[in-house]
Protein backbone atom coordinates (compact mmCIF):
# COMPACT_ATOMS: atom_id res chain seq x y z
CA MET A 1 26.78 -71.54 -7.13
CA GLU A 2 26.47 -74.96 -6.50
CA LYS A 3 28.02 -77.20 -3.85
CA GLY A 4 29.47 -79.18 -6.16
CA ASP A 5 30.83 -76.89 -8.59
CA ARG A 6 34.55 -76.69 -9.42
CA ILE A 7 35.77 -73.03 -8.12
CA TYR A 8 38.92 -71.13 -9.48
CA VAL A 9 40.45 -68.34 -7.59
CA ALA A 10 42.82 -66.48 -9.83
CA GLY A 11 45.06 -64.83 -7.20
CA HIS A 12 44.25 -66.92 -4.03
CA LYS A 13 47.65 -65.72 -1.90
CA GLY A 14 46.44 -61.86 -2.00
CA LEU A 15 44.35 -59.48 -0.31
CA VAL A 16 41.33 -60.46 -2.17
CA GLY A 17 42.18 -63.63 -3.13
CA SER A 18 42.62 -65.06 0.63
CA ALA A 19 39.65 -63.62 1.90
CA LEU A 20 37.34 -65.10 -1.13
CA VAL A 21 39.40 -68.79 0.07
CA ARG A 22 38.32 -68.32 3.57
CA ARG A 23 34.82 -67.34 2.74
CA LEU A 24 34.49 -70.25 0.26
CA GLY A 25 36.08 -72.26 2.64
CA ARG A 26 32.35 -72.61 4.50
CA GLU A 27 30.72 -73.90 2.13
CA TYR A 28 32.81 -75.01 -0.52
CA ARG A 29 35.25 -77.98 -1.14
CA ASN A 30 36.11 -78.12 -4.77
CA LEU A 31 38.24 -75.06 -4.82
CA VAL A 32 41.15 -74.62 -7.35
CA PHE A 33 44.45 -72.88 -6.91
CA ARG A 34 47.04 -72.09 -8.54
CA THR A 35 50.24 -70.13 -7.38
CA HIS A 36 52.16 -67.31 -9.88
CA ALA A 37 55.20 -70.07 -10.08
CA GLU A 38 52.83 -72.51 -11.00
CA LEU A 39 50.85 -70.40 -13.44
CA GLU A 40 52.11 -67.53 -15.11
CA LEU A 41 48.45 -65.69 -15.96
CA THR A 42 50.75 -63.39 -18.75
CA ASP A 43 50.90 -66.41 -20.63
CA GLN A 44 48.13 -67.37 -23.01
CA GLN A 45 49.12 -70.73 -23.61
CA ALA A 46 49.63 -71.73 -20.27
CA VAL A 47 46.47 -70.43 -19.00
CA GLU A 48 44.62 -71.89 -21.85
CA ARG A 49 46.45 -75.32 -21.06
CA PHE A 50 44.97 -74.78 -17.05
CA PHE A 51 41.63 -74.36 -17.95
CA ASP A 52 41.60 -77.27 -20.42
CA ALA A 53 42.80 -79.55 -18.27
CA GLU A 54 40.72 -78.09 -14.66
CA ARG A 55 37.54 -77.06 -16.27
CA PRO A 56 36.52 -74.77 -13.42
CA ASP A 57 32.31 -73.92 -13.49
CA ILE A 58 33.27 -70.75 -11.23
CA VAL A 59 36.14 -67.81 -11.52
CA PHE A 60 36.73 -65.24 -9.12
CA LEU A 61 39.61 -63.67 -11.16
CA ALA A 62 41.19 -61.82 -7.89
CA ALA A 63 44.73 -61.49 -9.89
CA ALA A 64 46.09 -58.12 -10.39
CA LYS A 65 49.01 -56.03 -10.73
CA VAL A 66 48.02 -53.56 -7.63
CA GLY A 67 49.73 -50.66 -5.52
CA GLY A 68 49.47 -47.28 -4.12
CA ILE A 69 50.18 -43.77 -5.62
CA LEU A 70 54.05 -43.94 -5.66
CA ALA A 71 53.68 -47.69 -7.40
CA ASN A 72 51.32 -46.41 -9.81
CA SER A 73 53.29 -43.45 -10.71
CA THR A 74 56.56 -44.91 -11.04
CA TYR A 75 55.07 -48.20 -13.31
CA PRO A 76 52.29 -46.85 -15.43
CA ALA A 77 53.45 -49.76 -18.04
CA GLU A 78 53.38 -52.58 -15.98
CA PHE A 79 50.09 -51.51 -14.70
CA ILE A 80 48.14 -51.70 -17.70
CA TYR A 81 50.39 -54.07 -19.32
CA ASP A 82 50.31 -56.69 -16.77
CA ASN A 83 46.63 -56.25 -15.82
CA LEU A 84 45.50 -56.53 -19.46
CA GLU A 85 47.39 -59.66 -20.28
CA VAL A 86 45.92 -61.38 -16.93
CA GLN A 87 42.32 -59.94 -18.02
CA VAL A 88 42.50 -60.96 -21.68
CA ASN A 89 44.04 -64.70 -20.95
CA VAL A 90 41.40 -65.68 -18.23
CA LEU A 91 38.18 -64.32 -19.57
CA HIS A 92 38.79 -65.69 -23.24
CA ALA A 93 39.98 -68.89 -21.69
CA ALA A 94 36.58 -68.93 -19.42
CA TRP A 95 34.25 -68.74 -22.00
CA ARG A 96 36.25 -70.81 -24.19
CA THR A 97 35.50 -73.74 -21.90
CA GLY A 98 32.24 -72.60 -20.45
CA VAL A 99 32.75 -71.17 -17.24
CA LYS A 100 29.37 -71.11 -15.69
CA ARG A 101 29.98 -68.00 -14.05
CA LEU A 102 32.77 -65.44 -13.62
CA LEU A 103 33.42 -62.62 -11.25
CA PHE A 104 35.90 -59.93 -12.62
CA LEU A 105 37.53 -58.12 -9.62
CA GLY A 106 38.09 -54.29 -10.38
CA SER A 107 38.69 -50.77 -8.75
CA SER A 108 36.71 -47.63 -7.71
CA CYS A 109 39.91 -45.92 -9.32
CA ILE A 110 38.17 -46.60 -12.60
CA TYR A 111 35.55 -43.51 -12.12
CA PRO A 112 36.52 -40.29 -12.94
CA ARG A 113 38.65 -38.24 -10.79
CA ASP A 114 36.21 -35.50 -10.20
CA CYS A 115 32.87 -37.74 -9.98
CA PRO A 116 29.86 -36.62 -8.11
CA GLN A 117 29.37 -38.44 -4.96
CA PRO A 118 28.64 -40.99 -4.07
CA ILE A 119 29.75 -42.57 -7.52
CA SER A 120 27.24 -44.18 -8.82
CA GLU A 121 27.89 -47.41 -11.58
CA ASP A 122 26.58 -44.98 -14.29
CA TYR A 123 29.30 -42.67 -14.00
CA LEU A 124 31.68 -45.11 -15.38
CA MET A 125 33.56 -43.50 -18.49
CA THR A 126 31.88 -39.56 -18.02
CA GLY A 127 35.01 -38.03 -17.38
CA PRO A 128 38.86 -37.45 -16.59
CA LEU A 129 40.75 -40.43 -14.53
CA GLU A 130 43.03 -39.63 -11.96
CA PRO A 131 45.92 -38.94 -13.55
CA THR A 132 47.99 -40.61 -10.91
CA ASN A 133 46.52 -44.50 -11.53
CA SER A 134 44.98 -44.10 -14.90
CA ALA A 135 47.23 -46.91 -16.45
CA TYR A 136 45.81 -49.49 -13.92
CA ALA A 137 42.19 -47.69 -14.43
CA LEU A 138 41.97 -48.24 -18.08
CA ALA A 139 43.00 -51.88 -17.79
CA LYS A 140 40.38 -52.46 -15.52
CA ILE A 141 38.20 -50.33 -17.45
CA ALA A 142 39.21 -53.06 -20.71
CA GLY A 143 38.47 -55.64 -18.31
CA ILE A 144 34.64 -54.24 -17.64
CA GLU A 145 33.88 -53.90 -21.08
CA MET A 146 35.18 -57.40 -21.98
CA CYS A 147 32.56 -58.61 -19.62
CA ALA A 148 29.94 -57.21 -21.26
CA ALA A 149 31.38 -57.75 -24.47
CA TYR A 150 31.33 -61.35 -24.38
CA ASN A 151 28.08 -61.56 -22.45
CA ARG A 152 25.98 -59.53 -25.50
CA GLN A 153 28.20 -61.85 -28.15
CA TYR A 154 28.75 -65.28 -26.41
CA GLY A 155 25.86 -65.08 -23.55
CA THR A 156 28.11 -65.44 -20.79
CA ARG A 157 27.81 -64.58 -17.68
CA PHE A 158 30.77 -62.48 -16.25
CA LEU A 159 29.93 -59.60 -13.60
CA SER A 160 32.22 -57.06 -12.42
CA VAL A 161 32.37 -55.98 -8.73
CA MET A 162 34.20 -52.63 -8.35
CA PRO A 163 35.36 -52.66 -4.90
CA THR A 164 36.10 -49.40 -2.55
CA ASN A 165 39.44 -49.17 -0.50
CA LEU A 166 40.67 -52.63 1.30
CA TYR A 167 42.49 -54.01 3.74
CA GLY A 168 42.98 -56.61 5.92
CA ARG A 169 44.45 -59.85 6.53
CA ASN A 170 47.36 -60.86 4.11
CA ASP A 171 47.34 -57.10 2.89
CA ASN A 172 50.89 -55.62 1.61
CA TYR A 173 52.72 -54.05 4.21
CA ASP A 174 55.91 -52.72 1.97
CA LEU A 175 56.24 -48.68 2.11
CA HIS A 176 57.38 -48.31 -1.48
CA ASN A 177 54.17 -49.73 -2.63
CA ALA A 178 51.95 -50.08 -0.02
CA HIS A 179 47.97 -48.41 -0.27
CA VAL A 180 47.42 -46.05 2.73
CA LEU A 181 45.81 -47.94 5.49
CA PRO A 182 48.93 -51.12 5.83
CA ALA A 183 51.28 -48.35 5.36
CA LEU A 184 50.00 -46.44 8.39
CA ILE A 185 50.14 -49.37 10.47
CA ARG A 186 53.26 -50.48 9.70
CA LYS A 187 54.81 -46.93 10.27
CA PHE A 188 53.11 -46.22 13.46
CA HIS A 189 53.87 -49.90 14.59
CA GLU A 190 57.78 -49.59 13.72
CA ALA A 191 58.03 -45.46 15.10
CA LYS A 192 56.41 -46.92 18.30
CA LEU A 193 58.84 -49.21 18.52
CA ARG A 194 61.84 -47.07 17.79
CA GLY A 195 60.30 -44.49 19.95
CA ASP A 196 60.19 -41.65 16.96
CA ALA A 197 58.71 -38.42 17.78
CA THR A 198 57.12 -38.17 14.03
CA VAL A 199 55.65 -40.02 11.37
CA THR A 200 55.69 -38.71 7.99
CA ALA A 201 52.78 -38.83 5.85
CA TRP A 202 52.40 -37.88 2.27
CA GLY A 203 50.05 -35.20 1.01
CA THR A 204 47.66 -32.71 3.05
CA GLY A 205 45.57 -35.48 4.83
CA ALA A 206 42.03 -33.74 3.22
CA PRO A 207 41.29 -36.54 0.74
CA ARG A 208 38.39 -38.42 1.87
CA ARG A 209 38.17 -42.04 1.52
CA GLU A 210 36.00 -45.37 2.59
CA PHE A 211 37.72 -48.44 3.39
CA MET A 212 36.33 -52.03 3.98
CA TYR A 213 37.35 -54.77 5.97
CA VAL A 214 38.17 -57.35 3.03
CA ASP A 215 36.37 -60.06 4.80
CA ASP A 216 33.10 -58.29 3.86
CA MET A 217 33.77 -57.69 0.27
CA ALA A 218 34.35 -61.75 0.22
CA ASP A 219 31.32 -61.76 1.60
CA ALA A 220 29.00 -59.50 -1.04
CA CYS A 221 31.52 -61.19 -3.87
CA ILE A 222 29.92 -64.78 -2.60
CA HIS A 223 26.11 -63.17 -2.34
CA LEU A 224 26.46 -62.06 -5.46
CA MET A 225 27.18 -65.08 -7.48
CA GLN A 226 24.81 -67.34 -5.11
CA LEU A 227 22.02 -65.15 -6.53
CA GLY A 228 19.45 -66.91 -8.74
CA ASP A 229 20.11 -67.40 -12.68
CA ALA A 230 17.31 -64.65 -13.21
CA GLU A 231 18.35 -62.21 -10.56
CA PHE A 232 21.98 -62.57 -11.84
CA ASP A 233 21.16 -62.39 -15.64
CA ARG A 234 19.58 -59.36 -14.61
CA LEU A 235 23.00 -57.56 -13.73
CA VAL A 236 24.79 -59.20 -17.29
CA VAL A 237 22.24 -58.47 -19.49
CA GLY A 238 21.70 -55.15 -21.10
CA ARG A 239 24.18 -52.98 -19.69
CA ALA A 240 27.67 -52.75 -18.01
CA PRO A 241 27.51 -55.80 -15.56
CA LEU A 242 29.02 -53.55 -13.41
CA ILE A 243 28.20 -53.44 -9.27
CA ASN A 244 29.47 -51.31 -6.47
CA ILE A 245 31.01 -52.62 -3.24
CA GLY A 246 31.31 -50.64 -0.15
CA VAL A 247 30.32 -49.69 2.89
CA GLY A 248 28.69 -46.31 2.32
CA GLU A 249 30.53 -44.21 4.28
CA ASP A 250 34.17 -42.17 4.33
CA LEU A 251 36.59 -40.00 5.94
CA THR A 252 39.58 -37.91 5.47
CA ILE A 253 43.14 -39.83 5.52
CA ARG A 254 43.88 -37.17 8.54
CA GLU A 255 40.84 -38.77 10.09
CA LEU A 256 41.66 -42.19 9.04
CA THR A 257 46.03 -41.47 10.23
CA ASP A 258 44.74 -40.40 13.91
CA MET A 259 42.51 -43.82 14.13
CA VAL A 260 45.31 -46.02 13.32
CA GLY A 261 47.66 -44.23 15.60
CA ARG A 262 45.43 -44.65 18.45
CA ILE A 263 45.09 -48.72 17.58
CA VAL A 264 48.24 -48.98 17.24
CA GLY A 265 49.69 -46.40 20.17
CA TYR A 266 51.73 -44.35 18.72
CA ARG A 267 52.18 -41.20 21.08
CA GLY A 268 54.00 -39.15 18.53
CA LYS A 269 52.95 -36.84 16.09
CA VAL A 270 52.18 -36.70 12.20
CA ALA A 271 53.98 -34.23 9.40
CA TRP A 272 52.48 -34.16 6.61
CA ASP A 273 54.30 -33.93 3.62
CA THR A 274 52.51 -31.11 1.39
CA SER A 275 55.01 -31.46 -1.26
CA LYS A 276 53.59 -35.25 -2.33
CA PRO A 277 50.71 -35.50 -4.30
CA ASP A 278 46.87 -36.14 -2.62
CA GLY A 279 45.47 -38.17 -5.22
CA THR A 280 41.77 -38.25 -6.00
CA PRO A 281 39.93 -35.81 -3.69
CA ARG A 282 36.90 -37.97 -2.76
CA LYS A 283 35.61 -41.78 -3.46
CA LEU A 284 32.79 -42.60 -2.06
CA LEU A 285 30.53 -45.62 -3.74
CA ASP A 286 26.72 -45.14 -4.10
CA VAL A 287 25.92 -49.16 -3.00
CA SER A 288 22.47 -49.02 -3.10
CA ARG A 289 22.35 -51.54 -6.22
CA LEU A 290 24.43 -53.76 -3.99
CA ALA A 291 22.16 -52.82 -0.71
CA ALA A 292 18.60 -53.74 -2.89
CA LEU A 293 20.08 -57.40 -3.69
CA GLY A 294 20.25 -57.80 0.33
CA TRP A 295 23.87 -57.07 1.59
CA SER A 296 25.63 -54.25 3.67
CA ALA A 297 28.51 -54.35 5.12
CA SER A 298 29.07 -55.44 9.25
CA THR A 299 32.57 -54.70 10.18
CA PRO A 300 33.17 -51.25 11.94
CA LEU A 301 36.41 -49.69 11.21
CA THR A 302 38.05 -49.49 14.14
CA GLN A 303 37.07 -52.96 15.08
CA GLY A 304 38.36 -54.25 10.82
CA ILE A 305 41.96 -51.85 11.76
CA ALA A 306 42.20 -53.82 15.00
CA ALA A 307 42.00 -57.28 13.42
CA THR A 308 44.10 -56.48 10.91
CA TYR A 309 46.88 -54.84 13.26
CA ALA A 310 46.60 -58.10 15.39
CA ASP A 311 47.01 -59.56 11.79
CA TYR A 312 50.51 -57.88 11.36
CA CYS A 313 51.76 -58.13 14.69
CA ASP A 314 51.18 -62.31 14.10
CA SER A 315 53.69 -61.94 11.10
CA LEU A 316 55.97 -59.80 12.05
CA PRO A 317 59.42 -62.39 12.03
CA ARG A 318 58.50 -62.83 8.21
CA ARG A 319 58.92 -59.38 7.65
CA SER A 320 62.33 -56.85 7.16
CA PRO A 321 62.91 -53.37 8.78
CA ALA A 322 61.68 -50.74 7.36
CA PRO A 323 63.62 -47.96 6.16
CA GLU A 324 63.10 -44.55 8.79
CA ALA A 325 62.59 -42.01 6.01
CA ALA A 326 60.29 -43.95 4.06
CA ALA A 327 56.66 -42.02 3.98
CA VAL A 328 53.32 -43.34 3.83
CA ARG A 329 51.59 -42.76 0.78
CA THR A 330 47.89 -41.35 0.77
């Protein structure tokens, strides 16, 4: 990327997109945004008109329909349909209008459910997916393949990155579709205020997960997009254009729950609802390729959770009360 490049961040209001905007804003001034109300990315004609008018040089495709186990299990049709439409429209318009580089944001759930650990990029499509989020995962896998296909046929420079579980500023704290870490923050905070003796979490607490502060993820994405042409081209030519982004460490959901409870200041107990699904047993990414490119995460988990909880507290006047019976999804 060059300082004068016109940079479009799709999904700039979300967790990932807003972190990209914060990080890009330190060095770049020619940024392009559209809210969901201003541009419906599932509308092919609207996307084509936008790219024709704005002609971005660089695209970060962070717009997606996302959610936790409950949302993925309840709305699989929306998860595959909406994500496929967004990806197809944006990637095709980016090629048609000559975008120099594009970064496609995926998810670590693209990898097989029972993958060897840590998960290398080479393990993609080597086994069955986790059933609770297979629709979303297949949409993201299609996006990776579309990037590779356009690179091979048209010489585009489309790179896919697979972040681990992300958290941080502007996260989603809706207990009906949030991911585990922000859901735990809200549950513990509200239980603390009410003086509840217990908080209910889904599953056994045994699955292991890796968590990354979203500002670190944004920094990694920009590091990749700032690589020189020769180094960048080695990432997108001749194989799946795929790079894992993570921290290289994980912990159990039970350990995470204890950590969030301590940081929030909740003094009650956690009741584990073992009738609910655990999801994939473990998801730890192999980040050796990213490390070889000169980048590693810098925010410790406890520091990142504390910063996220402070951001949540700052935004509380905008939030509605949560039902006491809602459970945390893992």
